[in-house]
């Protein structure tokens, strides 16, 4: 089984801790991981993961070089950064992008569940980063929660490409994003008892537009629910979705791997 965890956050920039997480992922069949930012600290941790291969000492285990997944990287500023003046500016992106080549800008987007009062600021930051991604010809990784109408409206105004990550909507919302050319990524939420709408969406997504993710360290799938999530656990989401869609797990893993490679170049 060849797996691509298309959305993982690292809460530490410590190379040894990241290497341990990635070593377990490799043992579970994860060949590639998208390390995703969203704030200054998450961006720094994503960069630490993406540059881990430069730190040979932290990749050593019992005197031998560890086999680790390939790491690709995204940086961005999420909805919680909306009221911070520096977030989303070209100067900040330029300083970050000088470090290494990035595969995407993310995560970015809108979330009105906890902070509806910052709607205006969230939309301004989201729009600025969509423009930045277009300028750099990069895909975007989008978070949207209780904000589908505004998200869709902005994507129509600023045509973009990329993925709606950790999708939690129903089939009609999924179709709107598919019509805009986006991929849709399913997290471990699909394994939760109450997530019938996500399962309904997962059943109708085209084979060439579905991806899988952990959103680690959050949302560990059944049977690991309650634990801190990590990339190794993406195999459970893969196996669940494969069964749901009537496919062999290896075939579904390969399909989603190919979709992720196409989405992120």
C-alpha atoms as a PDB file:
ATOM      1  CA  UNK A   1       0.000   0.000   0.000  1.00  0.00           C
ATOM      2  CA  UNK A   2       1.366   3.417  -1.015  1.00  0.00           C
ATOM      3  CA  UNK A   3      -0.208   6.281   0.945  1.00  0.00           C
ATOM      4  CA  UNK A   4      -0.053  10.077   0.719  1.00  0.00           C
ATOM      5  CA  UNK A   5      -1.175  11.985   3.824  1.00  0.00           C
ATOM      6  CA  UNK A   6      -2.170  15.224   2.115  1.00  0.00           C
ATOM      7  CA  UNK A   7      -2.613  17.299   5.278  1.00  0.00           C
ATOM      8  CA  UNK A   8      -0.574  17.048   8.445  1.00  0.00           C
ATOM      9  CA  UNK A   9       0.430  19.660  10.996  1.00  0.00           C
ATOM     10  CA  UNK A  10       3.534  19.305  13.135  1.00  0.00           C
ATOM     11  CA  UNK A  11       3.261  21.021  16.498  1.00  0.00           C
ATOM     12  CA  UNK A  12       6.999  20.862  17.050  1.00  0.00           C
ATOM     13  CA  UNK A  13      10.013  21.994  15.049  1.00  0.00           C
ATOM     14  CA  UNK A  14      12.234  19.464  16.833  1.00  0.00           C
ATOM     15  CA  UNK A  15      13.812  17.325  14.108  1.00  0.00           C
ATOM     16  CA  UNK A  16      14.105  14.206  16.278  1.00  0.00           C
ATOM     17  CA  UNK A  17      10.425  14.296  17.232  1.00  0.00           C
ATOM     18  CA  UNK A  18       9.384  14.845  13.614  1.00  0.00           C
ATOM     19  CA  UNK A  19      11.661  12.013  12.460  1.00  0.00           C
ATOM     20  CA  UNK A  20      10.053   9.629  14.973  1.00  0.00           C
ATOM     21  CA  UNK A  21       6.552  10.488  13.724  1.00  0.00           C
ATOM     22  CA  UNK A  22       7.624  10.064  10.116  1.00  0.00           C
ATOM     23  CA  UNK A  23       9.386   6.791  10.830  1.00  0.00           C
ATOM     24  CA  UNK A  24       6.113   5.333  12.133  1.00  0.00           C
ATOM     25  CA  UNK A  25       4.338   6.691   9.059  1.00  0.00           C
ATOM     26  CA  UNK A  26       6.798   4.994   6.729  1.00  0.00           C
ATOM     27  CA  UNK A  27       6.266   1.690   8.532  1.00  0.00           C
ATOM     28  CA  UNK A  28       2.502   2.077   7.908  1.00  0.00           C
ATOM     29  CA  UNK A  29       2.968   2.542   4.155  1.00  0.00           C
ATOM     30  CA  UNK A  30       2.993   6.335   3.988  1.00  0.00           C
ATOM     31  CA  UNK A  31       5.333   7.343   1.174  1.00  0.00           C
ATOM     32  CA  UNK A  32       4.591  11.070   1.096  1.00  0.00           C
ATOM     33  CA  UNK A  33       3.314  13.698   3.557  1.00  0.00           C
ATOM     34  CA  UNK A  34       2.133  17.256   2.990  1.00  0.00           C
ATOM     35  CA  UNK A  35       3.383  19.279   5.974  1.00  0.00           C
ATOM     36  CA  UNK A  36       0.962  22.193   6.310  1.00  0.00           C
ATOM     37  CA  UNK A  37       1.331  25.553   8.003  1.00  0.00           C
ATOM     38  CA  UNK A  38      -1.329  28.078   8.980  1.00  0.00           C
ATOM     39  CA  UNK A  39       0.413  30.289  11.533  1.00  0.00           C
ATOM     40  CA  UNK A  40       3.989  31.446  12.159  1.00  0.00           C
ATOM     41  CA  UNK A  41       4.660  28.463  14.458  1.00  0.00           C
ATOM     42  CA  UNK A  42       2.959  25.909  12.194  1.00  0.00           C
ATOM     43  CA  UNK A  43       4.778  27.336   9.174  1.00  0.00           C
ATOM     44  CA  UNK A  44       8.090  26.943  11.000  1.00  0.00           C
ATOM     45  CA  UNK A  45       7.259  23.342  11.925  1.00  0.00           C
ATOM     46  CA  UNK A  46       6.256  22.537   8.338  1.00  0.00           C
ATOM     47  CA  UNK A  47       9.558  23.965   7.115  1.00  0.00           C
ATOM     48  CA  UNK A  48      11.426  21.901   9.743  1.00  0.00           C
ATOM     49  CA  UNK A  49       9.728  18.758   8.426  1.00  0.00           C
ATOM     50  CA  UNK A  50      10.434  19.638   4.814  1.00  0.00           C
ATOM     51  CA  UNK A  51      14.134  20.233   5.526  1.00  0.00           C
ATOM     52  CA  UNK A  52      14.556  17.181   7.761  1.00  0.00           C
ATOM     53  CA  UNK A  53      16.664  15.334   5.208  1.00  0.00           C
ATOM     54  CA  UNK A  54      19.366  17.928   5.725  1.00  0.00           C
ATOM     55  CA  UNK A  55      19.673  16.835   9.364  1.00  0.00           C
ATOM     56  CA  UNK A  56      21.288  13.406   9.023  1.00  0.00           C
ATOM     57  CA  UNK A  57      21.755  12.995  12.778  1.00  0.00           C
ATOM     58  CA  UNK A  58      18.013  13.186  13.372  1.00  0.00           C
ATOM     59  CA  UNK A  59      17.373  10.657  10.630  1.00  0.00           C
ATOM     60  CA  UNK A  60      19.704   8.072  12.181  1.00  0.00           C
ATOM     61  CA  UNK A  61      18.374   5.078  14.089  1.00  0.00           C
ATOM     62  CA  UNK A  62      20.665   2.449  15.618  1.00  0.00           C
ATOM     63  CA  UNK A  63      23.511   3.886  13.578  1.00  0.00           C
ATOM     64  CA  UNK A  64      21.659   3.467  10.283  1.00  0.00           C
ATOM     65  CA  UNK A  65      19.862   5.987   8.124  1.00  0.00           C
ATOM     66  CA  UNK A  66      16.106   5.825   8.677  1.00  0.00           C
ATOM     67  CA  UNK A  67      13.758   5.352   5.771  1.00  0.00           C
ATOM     68  CA  UNK A  68      11.317   8.249   5.924  1.00  0.00           C
ATOM     69  CA  UNK A  69       8.478   9.458   3.676  1.00  0.00           C
ATOM     70  CA  UNK A  70       9.073  12.254   1.206  1.00  0.00           C
ATOM     71  CA  UNK A  71       7.876  15.578   2.605  1.00  0.00           C
ATOM     72  CA  UNK A  72       6.227  18.343   0.639  1.00  0.00           C
ATOM     73  CA  UNK A  73       5.323  21.618   2.259  1.00  0.00           C
ATOM     74  CA  UNK A  74       2.696  24.362   2.351  1.00  0.00           C
ATOM     75  CA  UNK A  75       2.721  27.629   4.266  1.00  0.00           C
ATOM     76  CA  UNK A  76      -0.072  30.094   4.813  1.00  0.00           C
ATOM     77  CA  UNK A  77      -2.104  32.032   7.352  1.00  0.00           C
ATOM     78  CA  UNK A  78      -5.371  30.607   8.628  1.00  0.00           C
ATOM     79  CA  UNK A  79      -8.504  32.335   9.899  1.00  0.00           C
ATOM     80  CA  UNK A  80      -7.021  32.762  13.389  1.00  0.00           C
ATOM     81  CA  UNK A  81      -4.402  35.084  11.909  1.00  0.00           C
ATOM     82  CA  UNK A  82      -7.026  37.365  10.351  1.00  0.00           C
ATOM     83  CA  UNK A  83      -6.604  40.259  12.767  1.00  0.00           C
ATOM     84  CA  UNK A  84      -2.815  40.233  12.752  1.00  0.00           C
ATOM     85  CA  UNK A  85      -1.490  42.984  10.533  1.00  0.00           C
ATOM     86  CA  UNK A  86       1.503  41.045   9.220  1.00  0.00           C
ATOM     87  CA  UNK A  87      -0.425  37.980   8.067  1.00  0.00           C
ATOM     88  CA  UNK A  88      -0.830  37.427   4.374  1.00  0.00           C
ATOM     89  CA  UNK A  89       1.531  40.133   3.189  1.00  0.00           C
ATOM     90  CA  UNK A  90       3.844  39.511   0.256  1.00  0.00           C
ATOM     91  CA  UNK A  91       6.856  40.429   2.407  1.00  0.00           C
ATOM     92  CA  UNK A  92       6.126  37.577   4.824  1.00  0.00           C
ATOM     93  CA  UNK A  93       5.635  35.094   1.990  1.00  0.00           C
ATOM     94  CA  UNK A  94       8.814  36.233   0.291  1.00  0.00           C
ATOM     95  CA  UNK A  95      10.873  35.659   3.445  1.00  0.00           C
ATOM     96  CA  UNK A  96       9.386  32.191   3.923  1.00  0.00           C
ATOM     97  CA  UNK A  97       9.606  31.156   0.283  1.00  0.00           C
ATOM     98  CA  UNK A  98      13.298  31.996   0.153  1.00  0.00           C
ATOM     99  CA  UNK A  99      13.965  28.946   2.338  1.00  0.00           C
ATOM    100  CA  UNK A 100      12.825  26.183  -0.001  1.00  0.00           C
ATOM    101  CA  UNK A 101      10.410  25.419  -2.775  1.00  0.00           C
ATOM    102  CA  UNK A 102       6.816  25.034  -1.650  1.00  0.00           C
ATOM    103  CA  UNK A 103       4.105  22.913  -3.197  1.00  0.00           C
ATOM    104  CA  UNK A 104       1.090  24.944  -2.037  1.00  0.00           C
ATOM    105  CA  UNK A 105      -0.164  27.871   0.032  1.00  0.00           C
ATOM    106  CA  UNK A 106      -2.123  26.723   3.051  1.00  0.00           C
ATOM    107  CA  UNK A 107      -3.910  26.246   5.040  1.00  0.00           C
ATOM    108  CA  UNK A 108      -6.031  29.272   4.324  1.00  0.00           C
ATOM    109  CA  UNK A 109      -9.758  29.917   4.383  1.00  0.00           C
ATOM    110  CA  UNK A 110     -12.766  30.811   6.472  1.00  0.00           C
ATOM    111  CA  UNK A 111     -14.212  29.515   9.734  1.00  0.00           C
ATOM    112  CA  UNK A 112     -17.290  31.114  11.261  1.00  0.00           C
ATOM    113  CA  UNK A 113     -17.862  28.439  13.905  1.00  0.00           C
ATOM    114  CA  UNK A 114     -15.783  30.142  16.594  1.00  0.00           C
ATOM    115  CA  UNK A 115     -15.095  33.613  15.195  1.00  0.00           C
ATOM    116  CA  UNK A 116     -17.986  34.886  13.079  1.00  0.00           C
ATOM    117  CA  UNK A 117     -17.218  38.414  14.286  1.00  0.00           C
ATOM    118  CA  UNK A 118     -14.003  38.448  12.212  1.00  0.00           C
ATOM    119  CA  UNK A 119     -15.775  37.550   8.957  1.00  0.00           C
ATOM    120  CA  UNK A 120     -14.622  40.710   7.172  1.00  0.00           C
ATOM    121  CA  UNK A 121     -10.991  40.272   8.224  1.00  0.00           C
ATOM    122  CA  UNK A 122     -11.030  36.553   7.399  1.00  0.00           C
ATOM    123  CA  UNK A 123     -12.332  37.224   3.909  1.00  0.00           C
ATOM    124  CA  UNK A 124      -9.698  39.898   3.283  1.00  0.00           C
ATOM    125  CA  UNK A 125      -6.867  37.591   4.376  1.00  0.00           C
ATOM    126  CA  UNK A 126      -8.266  34.672   2.368  1.00  0.00           C
ATOM    127  CA  UNK A 127      -8.599  36.816  -0.772  1.00  0.00           C
ATOM    128  CA  UNK A 128      -5.056  38.185  -0.390  1.00  0.00           C
ATOM    129  CA  UNK A 129      -3.641  34.673  -0.189  1.00  0.00           C
ATOM    130  CA  UNK A 130      -5.669  33.434  -3.146  1.00  0.00           C
ATOM    131  CA  UNK A 131      -4.140  36.315  -5.115  1.00  0.00           C
ATOM    132  CA  UNK A 132      -0.685  35.386  -3.813  1.00  0.00           C
ATOM    133  CA  UNK A 133      -1.169  31.783  -4.917  1.00  0.00           C
ATOM    134  CA  UNK A 134      -2.267  32.894  -8.373  1.00  0.00           C
ATOM    135  CA  UNK A 135       0.785  35.131  -8.654  1.00  0.00           C
ATOM    136  CA  UNK A 136       3.049  32.254  -7.702  1.00  0.00           C
ATOM    137  CA  UNK A 137       1.057  29.722  -9.788  1.00  0.00           C
ATOM    138  CA  UNK A 138       0.579  27.496  -6.743  1.00  0.00           C
ATOM    139  CA  UNK A 139      -2.392  25.434  -5.554  1.00  0.00           C
ATOM    140  CA  UNK A 140      -4.142  26.319  -2.308  1.00  0.00           C
ATOM    141  CA  UNK A 141      -5.193  24.193   0.656  1.00  0.00           C
ATOM    142  CA  UNK A 142      -8.512  25.520   1.928  1.00  0.00           C
ATOM    143  CA  UNK A 143     -10.218  25.175   5.292  1.00  0.00           C
ATOM    144  CA  UNK A 144     -13.889  26.110   5.352  1.00  0.00           C
ATOM    145  CA  UNK A 145     -16.317  25.646   8.244  1.00  0.00           C
ATOM    146  CA  UNK A 146     -19.818  27.085   8.376  1.00  0.00           C
ATOM    147  CA  UNK A 147     -18.659  29.447   5.618  1.00  0.00           C
ATOM    148  CA  UNK A 148     -19.428  27.617   2.390  1.00  0.00           C
ATOM    149  CA  UNK A 149     -21.314  30.481   0.721  1.00  0.00           C
ATOM    150  CA  UNK A 150     -18.500  32.989   1.252  1.00  0.00           C
ATOM    151  CA  UNK A 151     -15.826  30.424   0.341  1.00  0.00           C
ATOM    152  CA  UNK A 152     -17.538  29.557  -2.935  1.00  0.00           C
ATOM    153  CA  UNK A 153     -18.182  33.219  -3.737  1.00  0.00           C
ATOM    154  CA  UNK A 154     -14.502  34.128  -3.268  1.00  0.00           C
ATOM    155  CA  UNK A 155     -13.339  31.161  -5.353  1.00  0.00           C
ATOM    156  CA  UNK A 156     -15.630  32.306  -8.145  1.00  0.00           C
ATOM    157  CA  UNK A 157     -14.245  35.830  -7.855  1.00  0.00           C
ATOM    158  CA  UNK A 158     -10.600  34.694  -7.685  1.00  0.00           C
ATOM    159  CA  UNK A 159     -10.317  31.508  -9.752  1.00  0.00           C
ATOM    160  CA  UNK A 160      -7.916  29.131  -8.016  1.00  0.00           C
ATOM    161  CA  UNK A 161      -6.873  25.504  -7.939  1.00  0.00           C
ATOM    162  CA  UNK A 162      -6.174  23.134  -5.083  1.00  0.00           C
ATOM    163  CA  UNK A 163      -8.014  21.151  -2.448  1.00  0.00           C
ATOM    164  CA  UNK A 164     -10.801  21.603   0.065  1.00  0.00           C
ATOM    165  CA  UNK A 165      -9.234  19.866   3.038  1.00  0.00           C
ATOM    166  CA  UNK A 166     -11.009  17.923   5.797  1.00  0.00           C
ATOM    167  CA  UNK A 167     -14.308  18.159   3.931  1.00  0.00           C
ATOM    168  CA  UNK A 168     -17.350  18.021   6.223  1.00  0.00           C
ATOM    169  CA  UNK A 169     -20.168  19.094   3.905  1.00  0.00           C
ATOM    170  CA  UNK A 170     -22.838  17.224   1.993  1.00  0.00           C
ATOM    171  CA  UNK A 171     -22.956  16.155  -1.660  1.00  0.00           C
ATOM    172  CA  UNK A 172     -24.377  19.465  -2.944  1.00  0.00           C
ATOM    173  CA  UNK A 173     -21.559  21.455  -1.366  1.00  0.00           C
ATOM    174  CA  UNK A 174     -19.032  18.953  -2.699  1.00  0.00           C
ATOM    175  CA  UNK A 175     -20.423  19.400  -6.207  1.00  0.00           C
ATOM    176  CA  UNK A 176     -19.976  23.176  -5.965  1.00  0.00           C
ATOM    177  CA  UNK A 177     -16.261  22.753  -5.228  1.00  0.00           C
ATOM    178  CA  UNK A 178     -15.870  20.085  -7.899  1.00  0.00           C
ATOM    179  CA  UNK A 179     -17.475  22.442 -10.416  1.00  0.00           C
ATOM    180  CA  UNK A 180     -14.792  25.008  -9.482  1.00  0.00           C
ATOM    181  CA  UNK A 181     -12.102  22.457 -10.311  1.00  0.00           C
ATOM    182  CA  UNK A 182     -11.092  21.557  -6.763  1.00  0.00           C
ATOM    183  CA  UNK A 183     -10.059  18.262  -5.271  1.00  0.00           C
ATOM    184  CA  UNK A 184     -11.730  17.187  -2.035  1.00  0.00           C
ATOM    185  CA  UNK A 185      -9.819  15.584   0.812  1.00  0.00           C
ATOM    186  CA  UNK A 186     -11.481  13.307   3.353  1.00  0.00           C
ATOM    187  CA  UNK A 187     -10.156  12.981   6.895  1.00  0.00           C
ATOM    188  CA  UNK A 188     -10.787  10.491   9.689  1.00  0.00           C
ATOM    189  CA  UNK A 189     -14.073  12.272  10.387  1.00  0.00           C
ATOM    190  CA  UNK A 190     -15.612   9.938   7.784  1.00  0.00           C
ATOM    191  CA  UNK A 191     -15.207   7.075  10.277  1.00  0.00           C
ATOM    192  CA  UNK A 192     -17.172   8.881  13.010  1.00  0.00           C
ATOM    193  CA  UNK A 193     -20.680   7.654  13.745  1.00  0.00           C
ATOM    194  CA  UNK A 194     -22.320  11.062  13.315  1.00  0.00           C
ATOM    195  CA  UNK A 195     -20.638  11.872   9.984  1.00  0.00           C
ATOM    196  CA  UNK A 196     -23.257  10.445   7.627  1.00  0.00           C
ATOM    197  CA  UNK A 197     -23.139  13.529   5.394  1.00  0.00           C
ATOM    198  CA  UNK A 198     -19.395  13.059   4.880  1.00  0.00           C
ATOM    199  CA  UNK A 199     -19.949   9.419   3.934  1.00  0.00           C
ATOM    200  CA  UNK A 200     -22.647  10.460   1.472  1.00  0.00           C
ATOM    201  CA  UNK A 201     -20.219  12.916  -0.107  1.00  0.00           C
ATOM    202  CA  UNK A 202     -17.388  10.387  -0.164  1.00  0.00           C
ATOM    203  CA  UNK A 203     -19.581   8.002  -2.130  1.00  0.00           C
ATOM    204  CA  UNK A 204     -20.233  10.470  -4.953  1.00  0.00           C
ATOM    205  CA  UNK A 205     -16.776  12.006  -5.359  1.00  0.00           C
ATOM    206  CA  UNK A 206     -15.202  11.101  -8.714  1.00  0.00           C
ATOM    207  CA  UNK A 207     -12.240   8.738  -8.595  1.00  0.00           C
ATOM    208  CA  UNK A 208      -9.958  11.429  -9.986  1.00  0.00           C
ATOM    209  CA  UNK A 209     -10.857  14.143  -7.441  1.00  0.00           C
ATOM    210  CA  UNK A 210     -10.718  12.453  -4.026  1.00  0.00           C
ATOM    211  CA  UNK A 211      -7.777  12.590  -1.610  1.00  0.00           C
ATOM    212  CA  UNK A 212      -7.172  11.457   1.972  1.00  0.00           C
ATOM    213  CA  UNK A 213      -5.544  13.094   4.986  1.00  0.00           C
ATOM    214  CA  UNK A 214      -5.102  12.909   8.721  1.00  0.00           C
ATOM    215  CA  UNK A 215      -5.226  16.615   9.690  1.00  0.00           C
ATOM    216  CA  UNK A 216      -2.857  15.420  12.428  1.00  0.00           C
ATOM    217  CA  UNK A 217      -2.575  15.948  15.314  1.00  0.00           C
ATOM    218  CA  UNK A 218      -6.382  16.236  15.305  1.00  0.00           C
ATOM    219  CA  UNK A 219      -9.292  13.953  14.348  1.00  0.00           C
ATOM    220  CA  UNK A 220      -7.764  10.510  14.747  1.00  0.00           C
ATOM    221  CA  UNK A 221      -9.920   7.997  12.862  1.00  0.00           C
ATOM    222  CA  UNK A 222     -11.636   4.956  14.333  1.00  0.00           C
ATOM    223  CA  UNK A 223     -10.088   2.717  15.697  1.00  0.00           C
ATOM    224  CA  UNK A 224      -7.532   5.258  16.989  1.00  0.00           C
ATOM    225  CA  UNK A 225     -10.077   7.877  18.028  1.00  0.00           C
ATOM    226  CA  UNK A 226      -9.132   9.609  21.267  1.00  0.00           C
ATOM    227  CA  UNK A 227      -5.420   9.355  20.550  1.00  0.00           C
ATOM    228  CA  UNK A 228      -3.240  12.102  19.130  1.00  0.00           C
ATOM    229  CA  UNK A 229      -3.442  11.716  15.384  1.00  0.00           C
ATOM    230  CA  UNK A 230      -0.364  11.201  13.201  1.00  0.00           C
ATOM    231  CA  UNK A 231       0.342  10.398   9.533  1.00  0.00           C
ATOM    232  CA  UNK A 232       0.587   6.637  10.180  1.00  0.00           C
ATOM    233  CA  UNK A 233      -3.149   6.650  10.937  1.00  0.00           C
ATOM    234  CA  UNK A 234      -4.118   7.700   7.400  1.00  0.00           C
ATOM    235  CA  UNK A 235      -4.198   3.991   6.536  1.00  0.00           C
ATOM    236  CA  UNK A 236      -7.382   3.580   8.608  1.00  0.00           C
ATOM    237  CA  UNK A 237      -9.160   6.322   6.663  1.00  0.00           C
ATOM    238  CA  UNK A 238      -7.940   4.721   3.434  1.00  0.00           C
ATOM    239  CA  UNK A 239      -9.236   1.291   4.419  1.00  0.00           C
ATOM    240  CA  UNK A 240     -12.595   2.702   5.564  1.00  0.00           C
ATOM    241  CA  UNK A 241     -13.136   4.674   2.355  1.00  0.00           C
ATOM    242  CA  UNK A 242     -12.027   1.780   0.174  1.00  0.00           C
ATOM    243  CA  UNK A 243     -14.642  -0.468   1.771  1.00  0.00           C
ATOM    244  CA  UNK A 244     -17.279   2.279   1.530  1.00  0.00           C
ATOM    245  CA  UNK A 245     -16.586   2.726  -2.188  1.00  0.00           C
ATOM    246  CA  UNK A 246     -16.279  -0.995  -2.924  1.00  0.00           C
ATOM    247  CA  UNK A 247     -12.575  -0.969  -3.766  1.00  0.00           C
ATOM    248  CA  UNK A 248      -9.498  -2.848  -2.658  1.00  0.00           C
ATOM    249  CA  UNK A 249      -7.505  -0.748  -0.148  1.00  0.00           C
ATOM    250  CA  UNK A 250      -4.327  -0.926  -2.250  1.00  0.00           C
ATOM    251  CA  UNK A 251      -6.188   0.304  -5.326  1.00  0.00           C
ATOM    252  CA  UNK A 252      -7.820   3.160  -3.441  1.00  0.00           C
ATOM    253  CA  UNK A 253      -4.497   4.144  -1.876  1.00  0.00           C
ATOM    254  CA  UNK A 254      -2.856   4.260  -5.298  1.00  0.00           C
ATOM    255  CA  UNK A 255      -5.733   6.264  -6.769  1.00  0.00           C
ATOM    256  CA  UNK A 256      -5.585   8.898  -4.017  1.00  0.00           C
ATOM    257  CA  UNK A 257      -1.786   9.027  -4.217  1.00  0.00           C
ATOM    258  CA  UNK A 258      -1.969   9.796  -7.937  1.00  0.00           C
ATOM    259  CA  UNK A 259      -4.626  12.477  -7.323  1.00  0.00           C
ATOM    260  CA  UNK A 260      -2.455  14.173  -4.701  1.00  0.00           C
ATOM    261  CA  UNK A 261       0.581  14.171  -6.979  1.00  0.00           C
ATOM    262  CA  UNK A 262      -1.504  15.741  -9.721  1.00  0.00           C
ATOM    263  CA  UNK A 263      -3.028  18.319  -7.368  1.00  0.00           C
ATOM    264  CA  UNK A 264       0.280  19.467  -5.924  1.00  0.00           C
ATOM    265  CA  UNK A 265       2.490  18.953  -8.945  1.00  0.00           C
END
